Amino acid sequence: MGDKRPRDEDDQASKRRRYEEDDEDLGEKNEPISLEELRDKMREREKELSRPTFLTKEQRMKIAMAKREEAAKDKQRKLQEIQKEREEIFSGRRQREQESEARNAAERYLQARKEDISNQELDKIKTKYLGSKPVKKKVIKPSEK
């Protein structure tokens, strides 16, 4: 009774040893194993694995804690992925907003420039570059005087 391990762990350890021995036996033989023997060994393994194993309270708690930790890690990883996606989307939107703001500023500047130039200045520029007909002075007839 000096062994403190539960009975289930002993069973699992003995199963592992048997499987390892079986694997060693397979490797040591130079003769091929008959299909029947191989089939029988496989059936035995399946039967042993299909038997329910009962866990102690401590083992169940360890498994539950491991599951909780894994779930917390998954949740944290998903949150980080979502945060990265949001940052990418937000940075792209910010860049588009800056570009559109720069375009709008250029358009406002050009509009302001157009308004600053008065109609008279436009007329002077047009006459200088396009040429114009000389303005005739109105001649008053002597009969109209």
N, C-alpha and C. Protein backbone atom coordinates (compact mmCIF):
# COMPACT_ATOMS: atom_id res chain seq x y z
N MET A 1 0.82 -1.20 0.00
CA MET A 1 0.00 0.00 0.00
C MET A 1 0.85 1.25 0.00
N GLY A 2 2.14 1.13 -0.14
CA GLY A 2 3.02 2.29 -0.16
C GLY A 2 2.89 3.06 -1.46
N ASP A 3 2.30 2.45 -2.48
CA ASP A 3 2.11 3.11 -3.77
C ASP A 3 0.95 4.08 -3.66
N LYS A 4 1.19 5.34 -3.93
CA LYS A 4 0.16 6.38 -3.78
C LYS A 4 -0.62 6.63 -5.06
N ARG A 5 -0.21 6.02 -6.15
CA ARG A 5 -0.91 6.25 -7.41
C ARG A 5 -2.23 5.50 -7.40
N PRO A 6 -3.26 6.09 -7.98
CA PRO A 6 -4.54 5.39 -8.06
C PRO A 6 -4.45 4.18 -8.96
N ARG A 7 -5.39 3.31 -8.83
CA ARG A 7 -5.42 2.06 -9.57
C ARG A 7 -5.51 2.31 -11.07
N ASP A 8 -6.27 3.35 -11.46
CA ASP A 8 -6.45 3.63 -12.88
C ASP A 8 -5.13 4.00 -13.55
N GLU A 9 -4.31 4.74 -12.84
CA GLU A 9 -3.02 5.12 -13.42
C GLU A 9 -2.14 3.89 -13.60
N ASP A 10 -2.23 2.94 -12.63
CA ASP A 10 -1.47 1.71 -12.76
C ASP A 10 -1.93 0.93 -13.98
N ASP A 11 -3.23 0.88 -14.19
CA ASP A 11 -3.77 0.17 -15.34
C ASP A 11 -3.28 0.81 -16.64
N GLN A 12 -3.32 2.14 -16.67
CA GLN A 12 -2.88 2.84 -17.88
C GLN A 12 -1.40 2.63 -18.11
N ALA A 13 -0.61 2.67 -17.05
CA ALA A 13 0.83 2.46 -17.19
C ALA A 13 1.12 1.04 -17.67
N SER A 14 0.39 0.07 -17.15
CA SER A 14 0.62 -1.32 -17.57
C SER A 14 0.21 -1.50 -19.03
N LYS A 15 -0.86 -0.82 -19.45
CA LYS A 15 -1.28 -0.90 -20.85
C LYS A 15 -0.19 -0.34 -21.75
N ARG A 16 0.35 0.80 -21.34
CA ARG A 16 1.41 1.41 -22.15
C ARG A 16 2.61 0.46 -22.28
N ARG A 17 2.99 -0.14 -21.16
CA ARG A 17 4.12 -1.06 -21.18
C ARG A 17 3.85 -2.24 -22.12
N ARG A 18 2.62 -2.77 -22.05
CA ARG A 18 2.28 -3.90 -22.92
C ARG A 18 2.35 -3.49 -24.38
N TYR A 19 1.84 -2.27 -24.69
CA TYR A 19 1.88 -1.81 -26.07
C TYR A 19 3.32 -1.62 -26.54
N GLU A 20 4.15 -1.07 -25.66
CA GLU A 20 5.54 -0.86 -26.03
C GLU A 20 6.24 -2.20 -26.25
N GLU A 21 5.92 -3.18 -25.38
CA GLU A 21 6.51 -4.50 -25.55
C GLU A 21 6.06 -5.14 -26.85
N ASP A 22 4.77 -4.96 -27.16
CA ASP A 22 4.27 -5.51 -28.41
C ASP A 22 4.98 -4.88 -29.60
N ASP A 23 5.17 -3.57 -29.52
CA ASP A 23 5.86 -2.89 -30.61
C ASP A 23 7.30 -3.35 -30.72
N GLU A 24 7.95 -3.57 -29.58
CA GLU A 24 9.33 -4.06 -29.60
C GLU A 24 9.39 -5.46 -30.19
N ASP A 25 8.41 -6.29 -29.80
CA ASP A 25 8.37 -7.65 -30.33
C ASP A 25 8.22 -7.63 -31.84
N LEU A 26 7.41 -6.74 -32.32
CA LEU A 26 7.21 -6.64 -33.76
C LEU A 26 8.50 -6.26 -34.46
N GLY A 27 9.25 -5.37 -33.87
CA GLY A 27 10.49 -4.90 -34.49
C GLY A 27 11.59 -5.93 -34.42
N GLU A 28 11.60 -6.79 -33.39
CA GLU A 28 12.69 -7.74 -33.22
C GLU A 28 12.54 -8.97 -34.12
N LYS A 29 11.34 -9.32 -34.44
CA LYS A 29 11.13 -10.52 -35.25
C LYS A 29 11.57 -10.26 -36.68
N ASN A 30 12.22 -11.25 -37.23
CA ASN A 30 12.60 -11.16 -38.63
C ASN A 30 11.53 -11.76 -39.52
N GLU A 31 10.66 -12.56 -38.92
CA GLU A 31 9.61 -13.19 -39.68
C GLU A 31 8.40 -12.26 -39.75
N PRO A 32 7.72 -12.27 -40.84
CA PRO A 32 6.52 -11.45 -40.91
C PRO A 32 5.42 -12.01 -40.01
N ILE A 33 4.65 -11.12 -39.41
CA ILE A 33 3.57 -11.51 -38.52
C ILE A 33 2.39 -11.92 -39.38
N SER A 34 1.71 -12.94 -38.93
CA SER A 34 0.54 -13.36 -39.69
C SER A 34 -0.57 -12.33 -39.50
N LEU A 35 -1.42 -12.26 -40.44
CA LEU A 35 -2.51 -11.30 -40.38
C LEU A 35 -3.45 -11.58 -39.22
N GLU A 36 -3.61 -12.83 -38.89
CA GLU A 36 -4.48 -13.20 -37.78
C GLU A 36 -3.94 -12.67 -36.46
N GLU A 37 -2.64 -12.84 -36.25
CA GLU A 37 -2.03 -12.34 -35.02
C GLU A 37 -2.15 -10.82 -34.93
N LEU A 38 -1.88 -10.17 -36.03
CA LEU A 38 -1.97 -8.71 -36.07
C LEU A 38 -3.40 -8.26 -35.79
N ARG A 39 -4.37 -8.95 -36.38
CA ARG A 39 -5.76 -8.63 -36.16
C ARG A 39 -6.14 -8.83 -34.70
N ASP A 40 -5.68 -9.92 -34.09
CA ASP A 40 -5.99 -10.20 -32.69
C ASP A 40 -5.40 -9.12 -31.78
N LYS A 41 -4.18 -8.72 -32.06
CA LYS A 41 -3.55 -7.68 -31.25
C LYS A 41 -4.30 -6.35 -31.38
N MET A 42 -4.71 -6.06 -32.58
CA MET A 42 -5.46 -4.82 -32.80
C MET A 42 -6.79 -4.85 -32.04
N ARG A 43 -7.45 -5.97 -32.06
CA ARG A 43 -8.73 -6.11 -31.34
C ARG A 43 -8.52 -5.94 -29.84
N GLU A 44 -7.45 -6.54 -29.31
CA GLU A 44 -7.16 -6.40 -27.89
C GLU A 44 -6.93 -4.94 -27.52
N ARG A 45 -6.17 -4.26 -28.34
CA ARG A 45 -5.90 -2.84 -28.09
C ARG A 45 -7.19 -2.03 -28.10
N GLU A 46 -8.04 -2.30 -29.08
CA GLU A 46 -9.31 -1.58 -29.18
C GLU A 46 -10.19 -1.84 -27.97
N LYS A 47 -10.22 -3.11 -27.50
CA LYS A 47 -11.01 -3.44 -26.33
C LYS A 47 -10.50 -2.71 -25.09
N GLU A 48 -9.18 -2.69 -24.93
CA GLU A 48 -8.60 -2.02 -23.76
C GLU A 48 -8.85 -0.51 -23.81
N LEU A 49 -8.78 0.05 -25.00
CA LEU A 49 -9.00 1.48 -25.12
C LEU A 49 -10.47 1.85 -24.99
N SER A 50 -11.35 0.92 -25.31
CA SER A 50 -12.78 1.22 -25.25
C SER A 50 -13.32 1.14 -23.83
N ARG A 51 -12.58 0.51 -22.93
CA ARG A 51 -13.02 0.43 -21.54
C ARG A 51 -13.00 1.81 -20.90
N PRO A 52 -14.00 2.11 -20.10
CA PRO A 52 -14.00 3.43 -19.47
C PRO A 52 -12.92 3.53 -18.39
N THR A 53 -12.31 4.68 -18.31
CA THR A 53 -11.32 4.93 -17.27
C THR A 53 -11.90 5.96 -16.32
N PHE A 54 -11.84 5.66 -15.07
CA PHE A 54 -12.40 6.56 -14.06
C PHE A 54 -11.29 7.42 -13.50
N LEU A 55 -11.55 8.71 -13.45
CA LEU A 55 -10.54 9.67 -13.01
C LEU A 55 -10.83 10.11 -11.59
N THR A 56 -9.79 10.43 -10.88
CA THR A 56 -9.97 10.96 -9.53
C THR A 56 -10.41 12.41 -9.63
N LYS A 57 -10.83 12.94 -8.51
CA LYS A 57 -11.30 14.32 -8.47
C LYS A 57 -10.18 15.27 -8.87
N GLU A 58 -8.97 15.00 -8.42
CA GLU A 58 -7.82 15.85 -8.76
C GLU A 58 -7.56 15.82 -10.27
N GLN A 59 -7.64 14.64 -10.85
CA GLN A 59 -7.41 14.52 -12.29
C GLN A 59 -8.47 15.28 -13.07
N ARG A 60 -9.73 15.14 -12.62
CA ARG A 60 -10.80 15.88 -13.29
C ARG A 60 -10.60 17.38 -13.17
N MET A 61 -10.15 17.82 -12.00
CA MET A 61 -9.91 19.26 -11.79
C MET A 61 -8.78 19.74 -12.70
N LYS A 62 -7.72 18.94 -12.82
CA LYS A 62 -6.60 19.33 -13.69
C LYS A 62 -7.06 19.45 -15.14
N ILE A 63 -7.86 18.49 -15.57
CA ILE A 63 -8.37 18.52 -16.94
C ILE A 63 -9.26 19.74 -17.16
N ALA A 64 -10.12 20.02 -16.17
CA ALA A 64 -11.01 21.18 -16.28
C ALA A 64 -10.21 22.48 -16.32
N MET A 65 -9.17 22.58 -15.50
CA MET A 65 -8.34 23.79 -15.49
C MET A 65 -7.62 23.95 -16.83
N ALA A 66 -7.13 22.83 -17.37
CA ALA A 66 -6.45 22.90 -18.67
C ALA A 66 -7.42 23.37 -19.75
N LYS A 67 -8.66 22.87 -19.71
CA LYS A 67 -9.66 23.30 -20.70
C LYS A 67 -9.97 24.77 -20.55
N ARG A 68 -10.10 25.24 -19.31
CA ARG A 68 -10.39 26.66 -19.08
C ARG A 68 -9.25 27.54 -19.58
N GLU A 69 -8.01 27.11 -19.28
CA GLU A 69 -6.85 27.89 -19.74
C GLU A 69 -6.82 27.94 -21.27
N GLU A 70 -7.09 26.82 -21.89
CA GLU A 70 -7.09 26.77 -23.37
C GLU A 70 -8.18 27.67 -23.93
N ALA A 71 -9.36 27.64 -23.29
CA ALA A 71 -10.46 28.50 -23.75
C ALA A 71 -10.10 29.96 -23.59
N ALA A 72 -9.45 30.30 -22.47
CA ALA A 72 -9.04 31.69 -22.24
C ALA A 72 -8.01 32.12 -23.27
N LYS A 73 -7.07 31.24 -23.61
CA LYS A 73 -6.05 31.56 -24.62
C LYS A 73 -6.71 31.76 -25.98
N ASP A 74 -7.66 30.88 -26.33
CA ASP A 74 -8.37 31.02 -27.60
C ASP A 74 -9.12 32.35 -27.66
N LYS A 75 -9.80 32.68 -26.56
CA LYS A 75 -10.56 33.92 -26.52
C LYS A 75 -9.63 35.13 -26.66
N GLN A 76 -8.49 35.10 -25.97
CA GLN A 76 -7.53 36.19 -26.05
C GLN A 76 -6.98 36.32 -27.47
N ARG A 77 -6.68 35.16 -28.10
CA ARG A 77 -6.15 35.19 -29.47
C ARG A 77 -7.18 35.77 -30.43
N LYS A 78 -8.45 35.37 -30.27
CA LYS A 78 -9.50 35.90 -31.14
C LYS A 78 -9.67 37.40 -30.95
N LEU A 79 -9.60 37.86 -29.70
CA LEU A 79 -9.71 39.30 -29.44
C LEU A 79 -8.56 40.06 -30.10
N GLN A 80 -7.36 39.49 -30.04
CA GLN A 80 -6.22 40.13 -30.67
C GLN A 80 -6.39 40.19 -32.19
N GLU A 81 -6.91 39.11 -32.78
CA GLU A 81 -7.14 39.11 -34.23
C GLU A 81 -8.17 40.17 -34.61
N ILE A 82 -9.24 40.26 -33.84
CA ILE A 82 -10.28 41.26 -34.11
C ILE A 82 -9.70 42.66 -33.98
N GLN A 83 -8.86 42.87 -32.95
CA GLN A 83 -8.25 44.19 -32.75
C GLN A 83 -7.35 44.54 -33.94
N LYS A 84 -6.59 43.57 -34.43
CA LYS A 84 -5.73 43.82 -35.59
C LYS A 84 -6.56 44.19 -36.81
N GLU A 85 -7.66 43.46 -37.04
CA GLU A 85 -8.53 43.75 -38.17
C GLU A 85 -9.11 45.16 -38.05
N ARG A 86 -9.53 45.52 -36.85
CA ARG A 86 -10.09 46.86 -36.65
C ARG A 86 -9.05 47.93 -36.93
N GLU A 87 -7.81 47.70 -36.46
CA GLU A 87 -6.75 48.67 -36.70
C GLU A 87 -6.47 48.82 -38.19
N GLU A 88 -6.45 47.69 -38.91
CA GLU A 88 -6.21 47.74 -40.35
C GLU A 88 -7.33 48.51 -41.05
N ILE A 89 -8.55 48.22 -40.68
CA ILE A 89 -9.69 48.91 -41.29
C ILE A 89 -9.64 50.39 -40.96
N PHE A 90 -9.38 50.70 -39.69
CA PHE A 90 -9.37 52.09 -39.26
C PHE A 90 -8.23 52.86 -39.91
N SER A 91 -7.04 52.24 -40.01
CA SER A 91 -5.92 52.93 -40.64
C SER A 91 -6.21 53.18 -42.12
N GLY A 92 -6.85 52.23 -42.79
CA GLY A 92 -7.22 52.42 -44.20
C GLY A 92 -8.24 53.53 -44.35
N ARG A 93 -9.21 53.58 -43.44
CA ARG A 93 -10.22 54.64 -43.49
C ARG A 93 -9.57 55.99 -43.22
N ARG A 94 -8.67 56.03 -42.24
CA ARG A 94 -7.98 57.28 -41.90
C ARG A 94 -7.19 57.78 -43.10
N GLN A 95 -6.52 56.88 -43.80
CA GLN A 95 -5.74 57.27 -44.97
C GLN A 95 -6.65 57.82 -46.07
N ARG A 96 -7.78 57.14 -46.31
CA ARG A 96 -8.72 57.64 -47.32
C ARG A 96 -9.27 59.00 -46.94
N GLU A 97 -9.55 59.19 -45.64
CA GLU A 97 -10.07 60.49 -45.20
C GLU A 97 -9.03 61.58 -45.42
N GLN A 98 -7.76 61.29 -45.13
CA GLN A 98 -6.70 62.28 -45.34
C GLN A 98 -6.57 62.62 -46.82
N GLU A 99 -6.65 61.61 -47.68
CA GLU A 99 -6.56 61.87 -49.11
C GLU A 99 -7.73 62.72 -49.59
N SER A 100 -8.93 62.39 -49.16
CA SER A 100 -10.10 63.17 -49.59
C SER A 100 -10.04 64.58 -49.02
N GLU A 101 -9.53 64.72 -47.81
CA GLU A 101 -9.39 66.06 -47.22
C GLU A 101 -8.39 66.89 -48.01
N ALA A 102 -7.30 66.27 -48.46
CA ALA A 102 -6.31 66.98 -49.26
C ALA A 102 -6.92 67.41 -50.61
N ARG A 103 -7.71 66.51 -51.22
CA ARG A 103 -8.37 66.87 -52.47
C ARG A 103 -9.35 68.02 -52.27
N ASN A 104 -10.12 67.94 -51.20
CA ASN A 104 -11.09 69.01 -50.92
C ASN A 104 -10.39 70.33 -50.66
N ALA A 105 -9.25 70.30 -49.98
CA ALA A 105 -8.51 71.53 -49.71
C ALA A 105 -8.01 72.14 -51.02
N ALA A 106 -7.52 71.30 -51.93
CA ALA A 106 -7.05 71.81 -53.22
C ALA A 106 -8.21 72.42 -54.02
N GLU A 107 -9.36 71.76 -54.00
CA GLU A 107 -10.52 72.30 -54.71
C GLU A 107 -10.98 73.62 -54.10
N ARG A 108 -10.97 73.70 -52.78
CA ARG A 108 -11.36 74.96 -52.13
C ARG A 108 -10.40 76.09 -52.48
N TYR A 109 -9.11 75.77 -52.55
CA TYR A 109 -8.11 76.77 -52.91
C TYR A 109 -8.36 77.29 -54.32
N LEU A 110 -8.59 76.36 -55.25
CA LEU A 110 -8.84 76.78 -56.62
C LEU A 110 -10.12 77.60 -56.73
N GLN A 111 -11.14 77.22 -56.00
CA GLN A 111 -12.40 77.96 -56.02
C GLN A 111 -12.20 79.37 -55.45
N ALA A 112 -11.44 79.45 -54.38
CA ALA A 112 -11.18 80.76 -53.79
C ALA A 112 -10.37 81.62 -54.75
N ARG A 113 -9.41 81.02 -55.43
CA ARG A 113 -8.60 81.76 -56.41
C ARG A 113 -9.48 82.31 -57.52
N LYS A 114 -10.42 81.52 -57.98
CA LYS A 114 -11.31 81.97 -59.05
C LYS A 114 -12.18 83.13 -58.60
N GLU A 115 -12.65 83.06 -57.38
CA GLU A 115 -13.51 84.13 -56.87
C GLU A 115 -12.73 85.42 -56.65
N ASP A 116 -11.44 85.28 -56.29
CA ASP A 116 -10.62 86.46 -56.03
C ASP A 116 -10.43 87.29 -57.30
N ILE A 117 -10.30 86.60 -58.38
CA ILE A 117 -10.10 87.32 -59.64
C ILE A 117 -11.45 87.88 -60.06
N SER A 118 -11.54 89.14 -60.12
CA SER A 118 -12.83 89.77 -60.45
C SER A 118 -13.10 89.67 -61.95
N ASN A 119 -14.29 90.01 -62.29
CA ASN A 119 -14.68 89.97 -63.70
C ASN A 119 -13.84 90.93 -64.54
N GLN A 120 -13.51 92.08 -63.97
CA GLN A 120 -12.71 93.05 -64.73
C GLN A 120 -11.34 92.47 -65.04
N GLU A 121 -10.75 91.82 -64.05
CA GLU A 121 -9.44 91.23 -64.29
C GLU A 121 -9.54 90.13 -65.34
N LEU A 122 -10.62 89.38 -65.31
CA LEU A 122 -10.80 88.35 -66.31
C LEU A 122 -10.94 88.96 -67.70
N ASP A 123 -11.67 90.06 -67.78
CA ASP A 123 -11.82 90.74 -69.07
C ASP A 123 -10.47 91.22 -69.57
N LYS A 124 -9.65 91.80 -68.68
CA LYS A 124 -8.32 92.28 -69.08
C LYS A 124 -7.47 91.13 -69.58
N ILE A 125 -7.53 90.02 -68.88
CA ILE A 125 -6.73 88.86 -69.29
C ILE A 125 -7.21 88.34 -70.63
N LYS A 126 -8.52 88.27 -70.81
CA LYS A 126 -9.06 87.79 -72.08
C LYS A 126 -8.65 88.70 -73.23
N THR A 127 -8.75 90.00 -73.03
CA THR A 127 -8.39 90.92 -74.11
C THR A 127 -6.90 90.83 -74.41
N LYS A 128 -6.09 90.63 -73.40
CA LYS A 128 -4.65 90.58 -73.61
C LYS A 128 -4.27 89.34 -74.42
N TYR A 129 -4.84 88.19 -74.04
CA TYR A 129 -4.44 86.95 -74.69
C TYR A 129 -5.27 86.60 -75.91
N LEU A 130 -6.54 86.94 -75.91
CA LEU A 130 -7.39 86.58 -77.03
C LEU A 130 -7.48 87.69 -78.06
N GLY A 131 -7.19 88.86 -77.63
CA GLY A 131 -7.34 90.00 -78.52
C GLY A 131 -8.79 90.44 -78.55
N SER A 132 -9.01 91.70 -78.87
CA SER A 132 -10.39 92.17 -78.91
C SER A 132 -10.53 93.23 -79.99
N LYS A 133 -11.77 93.52 -80.34
CA LYS A 133 -12.01 94.58 -81.31
C LYS A 133 -11.88 95.91 -80.59
N PRO A 134 -11.32 96.88 -81.25
CA PRO A 134 -11.22 98.18 -80.58
C PRO A 134 -12.61 98.76 -80.33
N VAL A 135 -12.77 99.36 -79.20
CA VAL A 135 -14.05 99.92 -78.83
C VAL A 135 -14.22 101.24 -79.59
N LYS A 136 -15.32 101.35 -80.33
CA LYS A 136 -15.57 102.56 -81.10
C LYS A 136 -16.25 103.57 -80.20
N LYS A 137 -15.80 104.77 -80.34
CA LYS A 137 -16.46 105.83 -79.59
C LYS A 137 -17.75 106.19 -80.28
N LYS A 138 -18.70 106.49 -79.47
CA LYS A 138 -19.98 106.86 -80.03
C LYS A 138 -19.88 108.28 -80.58
N VAL A 139 -20.22 108.40 -81.80
CA VAL A 139 -20.14 109.70 -82.45
C VAL A 139 -21.51 110.34 -82.43
N ILE A 140 -21.54 111.56 -81.95
CA ILE A 140 -22.82 112.27 -81.87
C ILE A 140 -22.95 113.12 -83.17
N LYS A 141 -24.04 112.94 -83.84
CA LYS A 141 -24.28 113.68 -85.08
C LYS A 141 -24.64 115.13 -84.73
N PRO A 142 -24.29 116.01 -85.61
CA PRO A 142 -24.61 117.43 -85.32
C PRO A 142 -26.11 117.69 -85.22
N SER A 143 -26.89 116.89 -85.90
CA SER A 143 -28.34 117.10 -85.84
C SER A 143 -28.90 116.70 -84.48
N GLU A 144 -28.21 115.81 -83.80
CA GLU A 144 -28.67 115.34 -82.49
C GLU A 144 -28.25 116.29 -81.39
N LYS A 145 -27.36 117.20 -81.70
CA LYS A 145 -26.89 118.11 -80.68
C LYS A 145 -27.91 119.08 -80.39
